Structures are given as structure tokens and as C-alpha cells.
PDB file of N, CA and C in Angstrom:
ATOM      1  N   MET A   1      12.939 -23.036   0.775  1.00  0.00           N
ATOM      2  CA  MET A   1      14.080 -22.242   0.815  1.00  0.00           C
ATOM      3  C   MET A   1      13.851 -21.511   2.623  1.00  0.00           C
ATOM      4  N   ILE A   2      14.820 -21.548   3.290  1.00  0.00           N
ATOM      5  CA  ILE A   2      14.761 -21.320   4.556  1.00  0.00           C
ATOM      6  C   ILE A   2      15.441 -19.508   4.188  1.00  0.00           C
ATOM      7  N   VAL A   3      14.847 -18.957   5.030  1.00  0.00           N
ATOM      8  CA  VAL A   3      15.321 -17.509   4.952  1.00  0.00           C
ATOM      9  C   VAL A   3      15.724 -17.135   6.454  1.00  0.00           C
ATOM     10  N   ASN A   4      17.156 -16.755   5.995  1.00  0.00           N
ATOM     11  CA  ASN A   4      17.801 -16.456   7.346  1.00  0.00           C
ATOM     12  C   ASN A   4      17.792 -14.741   7.521  1.00  0.00           C
ATOM     13  N   ASP A   5      18.484 -14.511   8.863  1.00  0.00           N
ATOM     14  CA  ASP A   5      18.395 -12.928   9.413  1.00  0.00           C
ATOM     15  C   ASP A   5      18.753 -12.174   8.296  1.00  0.00           C
ATOM     16  N   ARG A   6      19.765 -12.123   7.651  1.00  0.00           N
ATOM     17  CA  ARG A   6      20.140 -11.246   6.621  1.00  0.00           C
ATOM     18  C   ARG A   6      19.474 -11.116   5.451  1.00  0.00           C
ATOM     19  N   ASP A   7      18.870 -12.561   4.891  1.00  0.00           N
ATOM     20  CA  ASP A   7      17.770 -12.529   4.336  1.00  0.00           C
ATOM     21  C   ASP A   7      16.682 -11.642   4.333  1.00  0.00           C
ATOM     22  N   SER A   8      16.020 -11.866   5.250  1.00  0.00           N
ATOM     23  CA  SER A   8      15.084 -10.885   6.300  1.00  0.00           C
ATOM     24  C   SER A   8      15.221  -9.317   6.273  1.00  0.00           C
ATOM     25  N   ILE A   9      16.564  -9.179   6.570  1.00  0.00           N
ATOM     26  CA  ILE A   9      16.835  -7.897   6.536  1.00  0.00           C
ATOM     27  C   ILE A   9      16.773  -7.121   5.432  1.00  0.00           C
ATOM     28  N   ALA A  10      17.606  -8.172   4.235  1.00  0.00           N
ATOM     29  CA  ALA A  10      17.217  -7.466   3.073  1.00  0.00           C
ATOM     30  C   ALA A  10      16.193  -7.427   2.099  1.00  0.00           C
ATOM     31  N   ILE A  11      15.222  -8.074   2.742  1.00  0.00           N
ATOM     32  CA  ILE A  11      14.070  -8.119   1.972  1.00  0.00           C
ATOM     33  C   ILE A  11      13.238  -7.080   2.609  1.00  0.00           C
ATOM     34  N   ARG A  12      13.398  -7.165   3.988  1.00  0.00           N
ATOM     35  CA  ARG A  12      12.680  -5.655   4.339  1.00  0.00           C
ATOM     36  C   ARG A  12      12.928  -4.183   3.801  1.00  0.00           C
ATOM     37  N   THR A  13      14.475  -4.307   3.871  1.00  0.00           N
ATOM     38  CA  THR A  13      15.214  -3.489   3.373  1.00  0.00           C
ATOM     39  C   THR A  13      14.578  -2.764   1.812  1.00  0.00           C
ATOM     40  N   VAL A  14      14.639  -3.942   0.924  1.00  0.00           N
ATOM     41  CA  VAL A  14      14.081  -3.974  -0.630  1.00  0.00           C
ATOM     42  C   VAL A  14      12.639  -2.969  -0.600  1.00  0.00           C
ATOM     43  N   ILE A  15      11.923  -3.893   0.534  1.00  0.00           N
ATOM     44  CA  ILE A  15      10.378  -3.396   0.425  1.00  0.00           C
ATOM     45  C   ILE A  15      10.251  -1.558   1.049  1.00  0.00           C
ATOM     46  N   GLU A  16      11.113  -1.181   2.218  1.00  0.00           N
ATOM     47  CA  GLU A  16      10.997  -0.153   2.571  1.00  0.00           C
ATOM     48  C   GLU A  16      11.492   0.638   1.381  1.00  0.00           C
ATOM     49  N   SER A  17      12.637   0.363   0.827  1.00  0.00           N
ATOM     50  CA  SER A  17      13.155   1.168  -0.129  1.00  0.00           C
ATOM     51  C   SER A  17      12.262   1.417  -1.420  1.00  0.00           C
ATOM     52  N   GLN A  18      11.410   0.458  -1.864  1.00  0.00           N
ATOM     53  CA  GLN A  18      10.432   0.610  -3.020  1.00  0.00           C
ATOM     54  C   GLN A  18       9.353   1.642  -2.361  1.00  0.00           C
ATOM     55  N   LEU A  19       8.613   1.316  -0.997  1.00  0.00           N
ATOM     56  CA  LEU A  19       7.867   2.210  -0.720  1.00  0.00           C
ATOM     57  C   LEU A  19       8.174   3.774  -0.503  1.00  0.00           C
ATOM     58  N   ALA A  20       9.517   3.885   0.111  1.00  0.00           N
ATOM     59  CA  ALA A  20      10.088   5.162   0.022  1.00  0.00           C
ATOM     60  C   ALA A  20      10.037   6.078  -1.314  1.00  0.00           C
ATOM     61  N   ALA A  21      10.532   5.189  -2.353  1.00  0.00           N
ATOM     62  CA  ALA A  21      10.385   5.993  -3.891  1.00  0.00           C
ATOM     63  C   ALA A  21       9.109   6.295  -4.192  1.00  0.00           C
ATOM     64  N   PHE A  22       8.336   5.116  -4.263  1.00  0.00           N
ATOM     65  CA  PHE A  22       6.604   5.651  -4.453  1.00  0.00           C
ATOM     66  C   PHE A  22       6.270   6.774  -3.571  1.00  0.00           C
ATOM     67  N   GLN A  23       6.649   7.305  -2.554  1.00  0.00           N
ATOM     68  CA  GLN A  23       6.747   8.592  -1.719  1.00  0.00           C
ATOM     69  C   GLN A  23       7.148   9.575  -2.644  1.00  0.00           C
ATOM     70  N   GLN A  24       8.077   9.509  -2.937  1.00  0.00           N
ATOM     71  CA  GLN A  24       8.535  10.388  -4.005  1.00  0.00           C
ATOM     72  C   GLN A  24       8.571  10.652  -5.403  1.00  0.00           C
ATOM     73  N   ASP A  25       7.743   9.739  -5.878  1.00  0.00           N
ATOM     74  CA  ASP A  25       7.241   9.554  -6.944  1.00  0.00           C
ATOM     75  C   ASP A  25       8.315   9.422  -8.244  1.00  0.00           C
ATOM     76  N   ASP A  26       9.421   8.175  -7.263  1.00  0.00           N
ATOM     77  CA  ASP A  26      10.925   8.043  -8.042  1.00  0.00           C
ATOM     78  C   ASP A  26      10.482   6.419  -8.832  1.00  0.00           C
ATOM     79  N   ALA A  27       9.898   6.827  -9.984  1.00  0.00           N
ATOM     80  CA  ALA A  27       9.448   5.601 -10.789  1.00  0.00           C
ATOM     81  C   ALA A  27      10.850   4.727 -10.932  1.00  0.00           C
ATOM     82  N   GLU A  28      11.601   5.065 -11.442  1.00  0.00           N
ATOM     83  CA  GLU A  28      13.021   4.568 -11.718  1.00  0.00           C
ATOM     84  C   GLU A  28      13.645   3.753 -10.599  1.00  0.00           C
ATOM     85  N   ALA A  29      13.558   4.376  -9.459  1.00  0.00           N
ATOM     86  CA  ALA A  29      13.773   3.596  -7.904  1.00  0.00           C
ATOM     87  C   ALA A  29      13.181   2.688  -7.761  1.00  0.00           C
ATOM     88  N   ALA A  30      11.788   3.098  -7.587  1.00  0.00           N
ATOM     89  CA  ALA A  30      10.855   1.980  -7.487  1.00  0.00           C
ATOM     90  C   ALA A  30      10.853   0.720  -8.191  1.00  0.00           C
ATOM     91  N   PHE A  31      10.787   1.149  -9.566  1.00  0.00           N
ATOM     92  CA  PHE A  31      10.822   0.023 -10.445  1.00  0.00           C
ATOM     93  C   PHE A  31      12.494  -1.004 -10.722  1.00  0.00           C
ATOM     94  N   ALA A  32      13.302  -0.153  -9.814  1.00  0.00           N
ATOM     95  CA  ALA A  32      14.780  -1.118  -9.898  1.00  0.00           C
ATOM     96  C   ALA A  32      14.377  -2.192  -8.779  1.00  0.00           C
ATOM     97  N   PHE A  33      13.606  -2.271  -7.709  1.00  0.00           N
ATOM     98  CA  PHE A  33      13.076  -3.053  -6.654  1.00  0.00           C
ATOM     99  C   PHE A  33      12.264  -4.333  -7.179  1.00  0.00           C
ATOM    100  N   ALA A  34      11.805  -4.368  -8.483  1.00  0.00           N
ATOM    101  CA  ALA A  34      11.153  -5.072  -8.833  1.00  0.00           C
ATOM    102  C   ALA A  34      11.784  -6.311  -9.568  1.00  0.00           C
ATOM    103  N   SER A  35      11.549  -7.453  -9.958  1.00  0.00           N
ATOM    104  CA  SER A  35      12.029  -8.657 -10.261  1.00  0.00           C
ATOM    105  C   SER A  35      12.338  -8.246 -11.707  1.00  0.00           C
ATOM    106  N   PRO A  36      13.134  -9.266 -12.243  1.00  0.00           N
ATOM    107  CA  PRO A  36      13.151  -9.167 -14.259  1.00  0.00           C
ATOM    108  C   PRO A  36      11.781  -9.569 -14.620  1.00  0.00           C
ATOM    109  N   ALA A  37      11.193  -9.970 -14.314  1.00  0.00           N
ATOM    110  CA  ALA A  37       9.440 -10.430 -14.622  1.00  0.00           C
ATOM    111  C   ALA A  37       8.907  -9.458 -14.544  1.00  0.00           C
ATOM    112  N   ILE A  38       8.623  -8.660 -13.749  1.00  0.00           N
ATOM    113  CA  ILE A  38       7.791  -7.631 -13.184  1.00  0.00           C
ATOM    114  C   ILE A  38       8.341  -6.439 -14.448  1.00  0.00           C
ATOM    115  N   GLN A  39       9.744  -6.386 -14.119  1.00  0.00           N
ATOM    116  CA  GLN A  39      10.324  -5.135 -15.082  1.00  0.00           C
ATOM    117  C   GLN A  39       9.938  -5.851 -16.527  1.00  0.00           C
ATOM    118  N   GLU A  40       9.954  -6.706 -17.325  1.00  0.00           N
ATOM    119  CA  GLU A  40       9.873  -7.326 -18.494  1.00  0.00           C
ATOM    120  C   GLU A  40       8.020  -6.715 -18.627  1.00  0.00           C
ATOM    121  N   GLN A  41       7.353  -7.276 -17.768  1.00  0.00           N
ATOM    122  CA  GLN A  41       6.275  -7.018 -17.659  1.00  0.00           C
ATOM    123  C   GLN A  41       5.461  -5.716 -18.202  1.00  0.00           C
ATOM    124  N   PHE A  42       5.943  -4.558 -17.483  1.00  0.00           N
ATOM    125  CA  PHE A  42       5.770  -3.489 -17.467  1.00  0.00           C
ATOM    126  C   PHE A  42       6.390  -2.852 -18.401  1.00  0.00           C
ATOM    127  N   GLN A  43       7.756  -2.861 -18.725  1.00  0.00           N
ATOM    128  CA  GLN A  43       8.222  -2.376 -19.750  1.00  0.00           C
ATOM    129  C   GLN A  43       9.050  -1.163 -19.596  1.00  0.00           C
ATOM    130  N   SER A  44       8.235  -0.246 -18.773  1.00  0.00           N
ATOM    131  CA  SER A  44       9.359   1.101 -18.642  1.00  0.00           C
ATOM    132  C   SER A  44       8.839   1.223 -16.737  1.00  0.00           C
ATOM    133  N   ALA A  45       9.532   2.161 -16.306  1.00  0.00           N
ATOM    134  CA  ALA A  45       9.408   2.580 -14.636  1.00  0.00           C
ATOM    135  C   ALA A  45       7.933   3.476 -14.900  1.00  0.00           C
ATOM    136  N   GLU A  46       7.583   4.317 -15.752  1.00  0.00           N
ATOM    137  CA  GLU A  46       6.088   4.862 -15.638  1.00  0.00           C
ATOM    138  C   GLU A  46       5.234   4.229 -15.927  1.00  0.00           C
ATOM    139  N   ASN A  47       5.026   3.249 -16.391  1.00  0.00           N
ATOM    140  CA  ASN A  47       4.058   2.133 -16.756  1.00  0.00           C
ATOM    141  C   ASN A  47       3.881   1.576 -15.434  1.00  0.00           C
ATOM    142  N   PHE A  48       4.832   1.445 -14.738  1.00  0.00           N
ATOM    143  CA  PHE A  48       5.076   0.364 -13.362  1.00  0.00           C
ATOM    144  C   PHE A  48       4.301   1.382 -12.170  1.00  0.00           C
ATOM    145  N   LEU A  49       4.970   2.558 -12.200  1.00  0.00           N
ATOM    146  CA  LEU A  49       3.963   3.706 -11.259  1.00  0.00           C
ATOM    147  C   LEU A  49       3.086   3.791 -11.463  1.00  0.00           C
ATOM    148  N   ARG A  50       2.619   4.081 -12.804  1.00  0.00           N
ATOM    149  CA  ARG A  50       0.882   4.242 -13.330  1.00  0.00           C
ATOM    150  C   ARG A  50      -0.036   3.061 -12.674  1.00  0.00           C
ATOM    151  N   MET A  51       0.579   1.973 -12.802  1.00  0.00           N
ATOM    152  CA  MET A  51      -0.158   0.805 -12.616  1.00  0.00           C
ATOM    153  C   MET A  51      -0.545   0.620 -10.966  1.00  0.00           C
ATOM    154  N   VAL A  52       0.732   1.117 -10.192  1.00  0.00           N
ATOM    155  CA  VAL A  52       0.578   1.041  -8.429  1.00  0.00           C
ATOM    156  C   VAL A  52       0.028   2.163  -8.268  1.00  0.00           C
ATOM    157  N   MET A  53      -0.272   3.542  -8.980  1.00  0.00           N
ATOM    158  CA  MET A  53      -0.969   4.557  -8.331  1.00  0.00           C
ATOM    159  C   MET A  53      -2.419   4.151  -8.494  1.00  0.00           C
ATOM    160  N   LEU A  54      -2.669   3.524  -9.732  1.00  0.00           N
ATOM    161  CA  LEU A  54      -4.140   3.170 -10.022  1.00  0.00           C
ATOM    162  C   LEU A  54      -4.723   1.870  -9.169  1.00  0.00           C
ATOM    163  N   ASN A  55      -3.932   0.845  -9.143  1.00  0.00           N
ATOM    164  CA  ASN A  55      -4.260  -0.647  -8.384  1.00  0.00           C
ATOM    165  C   ASN A  55      -4.091  -0.706  -7.133  1.00  0.00           C
ATOM    166  N   TYR A  56      -2.872   0.435  -6.519  1.00  0.00           N
ATOM    167  CA  TYR A  56      -2.571  -0.416  -5.082  1.00  0.00           C
ATOM    168  C   TYR A  56      -2.411   1.076  -4.731  1.00  0.00           C
ATOM    169  N   PRO A  57      -3.469   1.854  -4.177  1.00  0.00           N
ATOM    170  CA  PRO A  57      -3.295   3.285  -3.373  1.00  0.00           C
ATOM    171  C   PRO A  57      -2.610   3.018  -2.316  1.00  0.00           C
ATOM    172  N   ALA A  58      -2.917   1.680  -1.400  1.00  0.00           N
ATOM    173  CA  ALA A  58      -2.269   1.520   0.136  1.00  0.00           C
ATOM    174  C   ALA A  58      -0.706   1.460   0.166  1.00  0.00           C
ATOM    175  N   VAL A  59      -0.250   0.794  -1.137  1.00  0.00           N
ATOM    176  CA  VAL A  59       1.514   0.397  -1.098  1.00  0.00           C
ATOM    177  C   VAL A  59       1.806   1.924  -1.647  1.00  0.00           C
ATOM    178  N   TYR A  60       1.160   2.721  -2.864  1.00  0.00           N
ATOM    179  CA  TYR A  60       1.873   3.914  -3.244  1.00  0.00           C
ATOM    180  C   TYR A  60       1.719   5.267  -2.163  1.00  0.00           C
ATOM    181  N   ARG A  61       0.542   4.967  -1.190  1.00  0.00           N
ATOM    182  CA  ARG A  61       0.798   6.111  -0.352  1.00  0.00           C
ATOM    183  C   ARG A  61       0.214   5.582   0.902  1.00  0.00           C
ATOM    184  N   PRO A  62       0.991   4.251   1.478  1.00  0.00           N
ATOM    185  CA  PRO A  62       0.420   3.820   3.111  1.00  0.00           C
ATOM    186  C   PRO A  62       0.421   5.101   4.185  1.00  0.00           C
ATOM    187  N   ARG A  63      -0.559   5.118   4.683  1.00  0.00           N
ATOM    188  CA  ARG A  63      -0.426   5.793   6.290  1.00  0.00           C
ATOM    189  C   ARG A  63       0.240   5.404   7.283  1.00  0.00           C
ATOM    190  N   SER A  64       0.437   3.864   6.990  1.00  0.00           N
ATOM    191  CA  SER A  64       1.462   3.414   8.144  1.00  0.00           C
ATOM    192  C   SER A  64       1.727   1.689   7.552  1.00  0.00           C
ATOM    193  N   VAL A  65       2.990   1.478   7.903  1.00  0.00           N
ATOM    194  CA  VAL A  65       3.777   0.110   7.466  1.00  0.00           C
ATOM    195  C   VAL A  65       4.118  -0.730   8.698  1.00  0.00           C
ATOM    196  N   PHE A  66       3.510  -1.721   8.764  1.00  0.00           N
ATOM    197  CA  PHE A  66       4.128  -2.854   9.316  1.00  0.00           C
ATOM    198  C   PHE A  66       4.171  -3.914   9.234  1.00  0.00           C
ATOM    199  N   PHE A  67       5.669  -4.689   9.318  1.00  0.00           N
ATOM    200  CA  PHE A  67       6.208  -5.895   8.591  1.00  0.00           C
ATOM    201  C   PHE A  67       5.988  -6.947   9.624  1.00  0.00           C
ATOM    202  N   GLU A  68       5.432  -7.946   9.154  1.00  0.00           N
ATOM    203  CA  GLU A  68       5.142  -9.270   9.622  1.00  0.00           C
ATOM    204  C   GLU A  68       6.451 -10.220   9.683  1.00  0.00           C
ATOM    205  N   LYS A  69       5.829 -11.422  10.095  1.00  0.00           N
ATOM    206  CA  LYS A  69       6.781 -12.940   9.893  1.00  0.00           C
ATOM    207  C   LYS A  69       6.965 -13.126   8.625  1.00  0.00           C
ATOM    208  N   ILE A  70       7.987 -13.180   8.163  1.00  0.00           N
ATOM    209  CA  ILE A  70       8.060 -13.951   6.336  1.00  0.00           C
ATOM    210  C   ILE A  70       7.534 -15.166   7.031  1.00  0.00           C
ATOM    211  N   THR A  71       6.854 -15.645   5.668  1.00  0.00           N
ATOM    212  CA  THR A  71       6.169 -17.028   5.655  1.00  0.00           C
ATOM    213  C   THR A  71       6.457 -17.525   4.134  1.00  0.00           C
ATOM    214  N   THR A  72       6.066 -18.530   3.497  1.00  0.00           N
ATOM    215  CA  THR A  72       6.249 -19.358   2.485  1.00  0.00           C
ATOM    216  C   THR A  72       4.413 -19.516   1.932  1.00  0.00           C
ATOM    217  N   VAL A  73       4.144 -18.678   0.384  1.00  0.00           N
ATOM    218  CA  VAL A  73       2.884 -19.134   0.031  1.00  0.00           C
ATOM    219  C   VAL A  73       2.995 -19.629  -1.587  1.00  0.00           C
ATOM    220  N   GLN A  74       2.655 -20.863  -1.326  1.00  0.00           N
ATOM    221  CA  GLN A  74       2.922 -21.694  -2.481  1.00  0.00           C
ATOM    222  C   GLN A  74       4.079 -21.553  -3.191  1.00  0.00           C
ATOM    223  N   ASP A  75       5.117 -22.000  -2.220  1.00  0.00           N
ATOM    224  CA  ASP A  75       6.734 -22.511  -2.578  1.00  0.00           C
ATOM    225  C   ASP A  75       7.313 -20.805  -2.731  1.00  0.00           C
ATOM    226  N   ASN A  76       6.702 -19.511  -2.387  1.00  0.00           N
ATOM    227  CA  ASN A  76       7.105 -17.993  -2.797  1.00  0.00           C
ATOM    228  C   ASN A  76       7.583 -17.838  -1.214  1.00  0.00           C
ATOM    229  N   ILE A  77       8.764 -17.295  -1.174  1.00  0.00           N
ATOM    230  CA  ILE A  77       9.130 -16.759  -0.142  1.00  0.00           C
ATOM    231  C   ILE A  77       8.141 -15.023  -0.046  1.00  0.00           C
ATOM    232  N   THR A  78       7.173 -14.827   0.855  1.00  0.00           N
ATOM    233  CA  THR A  78       6.362 -13.555   1.480  1.00  0.00           C
ATOM    234  C   THR A  78       6.592 -13.329   2.211  1.00  0.00           C
ATOM    235  N   GLN A  79       6.651 -11.596   2.007  1.00  0.00           N
ATOM    236  CA  GLN A  79       6.630 -10.594   3.244  1.00  0.00           C
ATOM    237  C   GLN A  79       5.298 -10.345   3.582  1.00  0.00           C
ATOM    238  N   PRO A  80       4.576 -10.204   4.432  1.00  0.00           N
ATOM    239  CA  PRO A  80       3.212  -9.968   4.864  1.00  0.00           C
ATOM    240  C   PRO A  80       3.373  -8.614   5.521  1.00  0.00           C
ATOM    241  N   VAL A  81       2.748  -7.605   4.790  1.00  0.00           N
ATOM    242  CA  VAL A  81       3.533  -5.856   5.660  1.00  0.00           C
ATOM    243  C   VAL A  81       1.967  -5.396   5.328  1.00  0.00           C
ATOM    244  N   LEU A  82       1.395  -4.957   6.958  1.00  0.00           N
ATOM    245  CA  LEU A  82       0.088  -4.160   7.165  1.00  0.00           C
ATOM    246  C   LEU A  82       0.413  -2.874   6.410  1.00  0.00           C
ATOM    247  N   LEU A  83      -0.691  -2.414   6.015  1.00  0.00           N
ATOM    248  CA  LEU A  83      -0.610  -1.265   5.564  1.00  0.00           C
ATOM    249  C   LEU A  83      -2.036  -0.386   5.907  1.00  0.00           C
ATOM    250  N   LEU A  84      -1.855   0.696   6.479  1.00  0.00           N
ATOM    251  CA  LEU A  84      -3.091   1.510   6.216  1.00  0.00           C
ATOM    252  C   LEU A  84      -3.420   2.527   5.255  1.00  0.00           C
ATOM    253  N   SER A  85      -4.193   1.884   4.226  1.00  0.00           N
ATOM    254  CA  SER A  85      -4.608   2.779   3.141  1.00  0.00           C
ATOM    255  C   SER A  85      -4.758   4.578   3.274  1.00  0.00           C
ATOM    256  N   PRO A  86      -4.564   4.924   2.836  1.00  0.00           N
ATOM    257  CA  PRO A  86      -4.971   6.745   2.094  1.00  0.00           C
ATOM    258  C   PRO A  86      -5.979   6.708   2.870  1.00  0.00           C
ATOM    259  N   HIS A  87      -7.365   5.963   2.726  1.00  0.00           N
ATOM    260  CA  HIS A  87      -8.522   6.080   3.065  1.00  0.00           C
ATOM    261  C   HIS A  87      -8.499   5.570   4.583  1.00  0.00           C
ATOM    262  N   GLY A  88      -7.766   4.911   5.235  1.00  0.00           N
ATOM    263  CA  GLY A  88      -7.476   4.541   6.505  1.00  0.00           C
ATOM    264  C   GLY A  88      -7.951   2.603   6.789  1.00  0.00           C
ATOM    265  N   VAL A  89      -8.146   2.461   5.430  1.00  0.00           N
ATOM    266  CA  VAL A  89      -8.599   0.937   5.475  1.00  0.00           C
ATOM    267  C   VAL A  89      -7.185   0.200   5.895  1.00  0.00           C
ATOM    268  N   PRO A  90      -7.351  -0.812   6.652  1.00  0.00           N
ATOM    269  CA  PRO A  90      -6.091  -1.662   7.024  1.00  0.00           C
ATOM    270  C   PRO A  90      -6.199  -3.291   5.833  1.00  0.00           C
ATOM    271  N   LEU A  91      -5.257  -2.880   5.291  1.00  0.00           N
ATOM    272  CA  LEU A  91      -4.766  -4.162   4.289  1.00  0.00           C
ATOM    273  C   LEU A  91      -3.942  -5.025   4.342  1.00  0.00           C
ATOM    274  N   ARG A  92      -3.280  -6.017   4.203  1.00  0.00           N
ATOM    275  CA  ARG A  92      -2.326  -6.690   4.123  1.00  0.00           C
ATOM    276  C   ARG A  92      -1.817  -6.855   3.148  1.00  0.00           C
ATOM    277  N   ALA A  93      -0.523  -6.462   2.701  1.00  0.00           N
ATOM    278  CA  ALA A  93       0.202  -6.470   1.243  1.00  0.00           C
ATOM    279  C   ALA A  93       1.064  -8.008   1.506  1.00  0.00           C
ATOM    280  N   LEU A  94       0.692  -8.747   0.390  1.00  0.00           N
ATOM    281  CA  LEU A  94       1.503  -9.906   0.511  1.00  0.00           C
ATOM    282  C   LEU A  94       2.666  -9.741  -0.736  1.00  0.00           C
ATOM    283  N   TYR A  95       3.926  -9.541  -0.094  1.00  0.00           N
ATOM    284  CA  TYR A  95       5.062  -9.486  -1.344  1.00  0.00           C
ATOM    285  C   TYR A  95       5.313 -10.497  -1.474  1.00  0.00           C
ATOM    286  N   PHE A  96       5.792 -11.257  -2.832  1.00  0.00           N
ATOM    287  CA  PHE A  96       6.527 -12.190  -3.124  1.00  0.00           C
ATOM    288  C   PHE A  96       7.750 -12.182  -3.631  1.00  0.00           C
ATOM    289  N   MET A  97       8.813 -12.446  -3.110  1.00  0.00           N
ATOM    290  CA  MET A  97      10.051 -12.173  -3.236  1.00  0.00           C
ATOM    291  C   MET A  97      11.126 -13.183  -3.720  1.00  0.00           C
ATOM    292  N   GLU A  98      12.144 -12.710  -4.612  1.00  0.00           N
ATOM    293  CA  GLU A  98      12.508 -13.650  -5.450  1.00  0.00           C
ATOM    294  C   GLU A  98      14.354 -13.177  -5.163  1.00  0.00           C
ATOM    295  N   LYS A  99      14.857 -14.440  -5.083  1.00  0.00           N
ATOM    296  CA  LYS A  99      16.495 -14.108  -5.010  1.00  0.00           C
ATOM    297  C   LYS A  99      16.515 -14.213  -6.233  1.00  0.00           C
ATOM    298  N   GLN A 100      17.797 -12.882  -6.684  1.00  0.00           N
ATOM    299  CA  GLN A 100      18.565 -12.960  -7.600  1.00  0.00           C
ATOM    300  C   GLN A 100      20.113 -13.719  -8.189  1.00  0.00           C
ATOM    301  N   PRO A 101      20.304 -14.037  -9.053  1.00  0.00           N
ATOM    302  CA  PRO A 101      21.921 -14.622  -8.972  1.00  0.00           C
ATOM    303  C   PRO A 101      22.844 -14.101  -8.342  1.00  0.00           C
ATOM    304  N   ASP A 102      22.693 -12.930  -8.226  1.00  0.00           N
ATOM    305  CA  ASP A 102      23.874 -12.095  -7.679  1.00  0.00           C
ATOM    306  C   ASP A 102      23.290 -11.644  -5.941  1.00  0.00           C
ATOM    307  N   ASP A 103      22.393 -12.777  -5.584  1.00  0.00           N
ATOM    308  CA  ASP A 103      22.040 -13.094  -4.026  1.00  0.00           C
ATOM    309  C   ASP A 103      21.255 -12.007  -3.549  1.00  0.00           C
ATOM    310  N   THR A 104      21.010 -10.594  -4.167  1.00  0.00           N
ATOM    311  CA  THR A 104      20.251  -9.776  -3.832  1.00  0.00           C
ATOM    312  C   THR A 104      18.757 -10.278  -4.101  1.00  0.00           C
ATOM    313  N   TRP A 105      18.167  -9.532  -3.307  1.00  0.00           N
ATOM    314  CA  TRP A 105      16.104  -9.790  -3.350  1.00  0.00           C
ATOM    315  C   TRP A 105      15.404  -8.728  -4.290  1.00  0.00           C
ATOM    316  N   ARG A 106      14.462  -9.312  -4.777  1.00  0.00           N
ATOM    317  CA  ARG A 106      13.543  -8.284  -5.749  1.00  0.00           C
ATOM    318  C   ARG A 106      11.960  -8.549  -5.414  1.00  0.00           C
ATOM    319  N   ILE A 107      11.484  -7.487  -5.552  1.00  0.00           N
ATOM    320  CA  ILE A 107      10.232  -7.982  -5.755  1.00  0.00           C
ATOM    321  C   ILE A 107       9.574  -8.533  -6.608  1.00  0.00           C
ATOM    322  N   ASN A 108       8.762  -9.644  -6.769  1.00  0.00           N
ATOM    323  CA  ASN A 108       8.031 -10.567  -8.071  1.00  0.00           C
ATOM    324  C   ASN A 108       6.809 -10.458  -7.883  1.00  0.00           C
ATOM    325  N   GLY A 109       6.199  -9.368  -7.209  1.00  0.00           N
ATOM    326  CA  GLY A 109       4.867  -9.477  -7.340  1.00  0.00           C
ATOM    327  C   GLY A 109       4.123  -9.119  -6.163  1.00  0.00           C
ATOM    328  N   CYS A 110       2.775  -8.677  -5.830  1.00  0.00           N
ATOM    329  CA  CYS A 110       2.255  -8.153  -4.483  1.00  0.00           C
ATOM    330  C   CYS A 110       0.932  -7.992  -4.691  1.00  0.00           C
ATOM    331  N   ILE A 111       0.139  -8.754  -3.807  1.00  0.00           N
ATOM    332  CA  ILE A 111      -1.428  -8.766  -3.941  1.00  0.00           C
ATOM    333  C   ILE A 111      -1.429  -8.292  -2.350  1.00  0.00           C
ATOM    334  N   LEU A 112      -2.788  -7.515  -2.418  1.00  0.00           N
ATOM    335  CA  LEU A 112      -3.599  -7.076  -1.107  1.00  0.00           C
ATOM    336  C   LEU A 112      -4.647  -8.016  -1.068  1.00  0.00           C
ATOM    337  N   VAL A 113      -4.638  -8.171   0.451  1.00  0.00           N
ATOM    338  CA  VAL A 113      -5.756  -8.854   1.022  1.00  0.00           C
ATOM    339  C   VAL A 113      -6.360  -8.010   1.882  1.00  0.00           C
ATOM    340  N   SER A 114      -7.746  -8.301   2.462  1.00  0.00           N
ATOM    341  CA  SER A 114      -8.193  -7.893   3.871  1.00  0.00           C
ATOM    342  C   SER A 114      -7.735  -8.447   4.961  1.00  0.00           C
ATOM    343  N   VAL A 115      -7.346  -7.716   6.039  1.00  0.00           N
ATOM    344  CA  VAL A 115      -6.788  -7.817   7.478  1.00  0.00           C
ATOM    345  C   VAL A 115      -7.254  -9.299   7.902  1.00  0.00           C
ATOM    346  N   GLU A 116      -8.865  -9.382   7.462  1.00  0.00           N
ATOM    347  CA  GLU A 116      -9.316 -10.474   8.083  1.00  0.00           C
ATOM    348  C   GLU A 116      -8.843 -11.838   7.389  1.00  0.00           C
ATOM    349  N   ALA A 117      -8.333 -11.917   6.176  1.00  0.00           N
ATOM    350  CA  ALA A 117      -8.051 -13.172   5.480  1.00  0.00           C
ATOM    351  C   ALA A 117      -6.832 -13.780   6.560  1.00  0.00           C
ATOM    352  N   GLU A 118      -7.282 -14.979   6.108  1.00  0.00           N
ATOM    353  CA  GLU A 118      -5.681 -15.844   7.200  1.00  0.00           C
ATOM    354  C   GLU A 118      -4.593 -16.010   5.933  1.00  0.00           C
ATOM    355  N   ILE A 119      -3.398 -16.222   6.350  1.00  0.00           N
ATOM    356  CA  ILE A 119      -2.323 -16.740   5.108  1.00  0.00           C
ATOM    357  C   ILE A 119      -2.192 -18.259   5.366  1.00  0.00           C
ATOM    358  N   ILE A 120      -2.431 -18.465   4.120  1.00  0.00           N
ATOM    359  CA  ILE A 120      -2.459 -20.426   4.606  1.00  0.00           C
ATOM    360  C   ILE A 120      -0.999 -20.822   4.331  1.00  0.00           C
TER     361      ILE A 120
END
């Protein structure tokens, strides 16, 4: 799938909006940016927020955020984002994006890798 400029902007906006929701501890807003599969997996906004707080502190409270070029990882449209964790550790978040039937984008997963790791 080719990502055009409009898609790139929409993807960045979704991720920025979710990060802003985490900053406000707005579980409902953050959960709304997750794909239907992720929403089904966590069942509630509170479960989702708790998981992010515990397992993704760099996503929950990043010190800084830098968007890299969108790529494809295992056939997934992927937005790499450099994050500085609350403890000052640089990490790369790979956001797997999913286009919805209404042409909006949702986050369909995120993994954190060390900055040294190469994106294949």
C-alpha cells in the first residue's frame, strides 16, 4: 500500500493525538485511536491505559517525540517515532497503522525497540 501525503499527515495526527491523550490521562480519548482489534483485546479504556502505563512508559510520558519516515514492516504501514523515555533512554516506537473502512487511520499495535536496532 502506498501512503500519500494526506495519509502521512493523518497517521501523524492520530499518534500525536493519542500521545496528547496519555499526557492528560484521558483513557477514553487514547483508546479511541486504537484499532477495533486492539479495543476488543483490552475491552475497556481503563485496561488499555493501565497496560500503556505499565509496559510503555516512553509512550505514556515521553520527554520528546520525533517522527521518522513512514515505512512498511511485514506488510504493515508503520510509523517509526523516536521517543525519549521519562528516564532519558532513547527508544524507537514502531506504530503499526490500520486504515479503517471510513478511510480514517487507527493504531493497530506498537512495539518499542532500541534506537540501535535497524528497521528491516
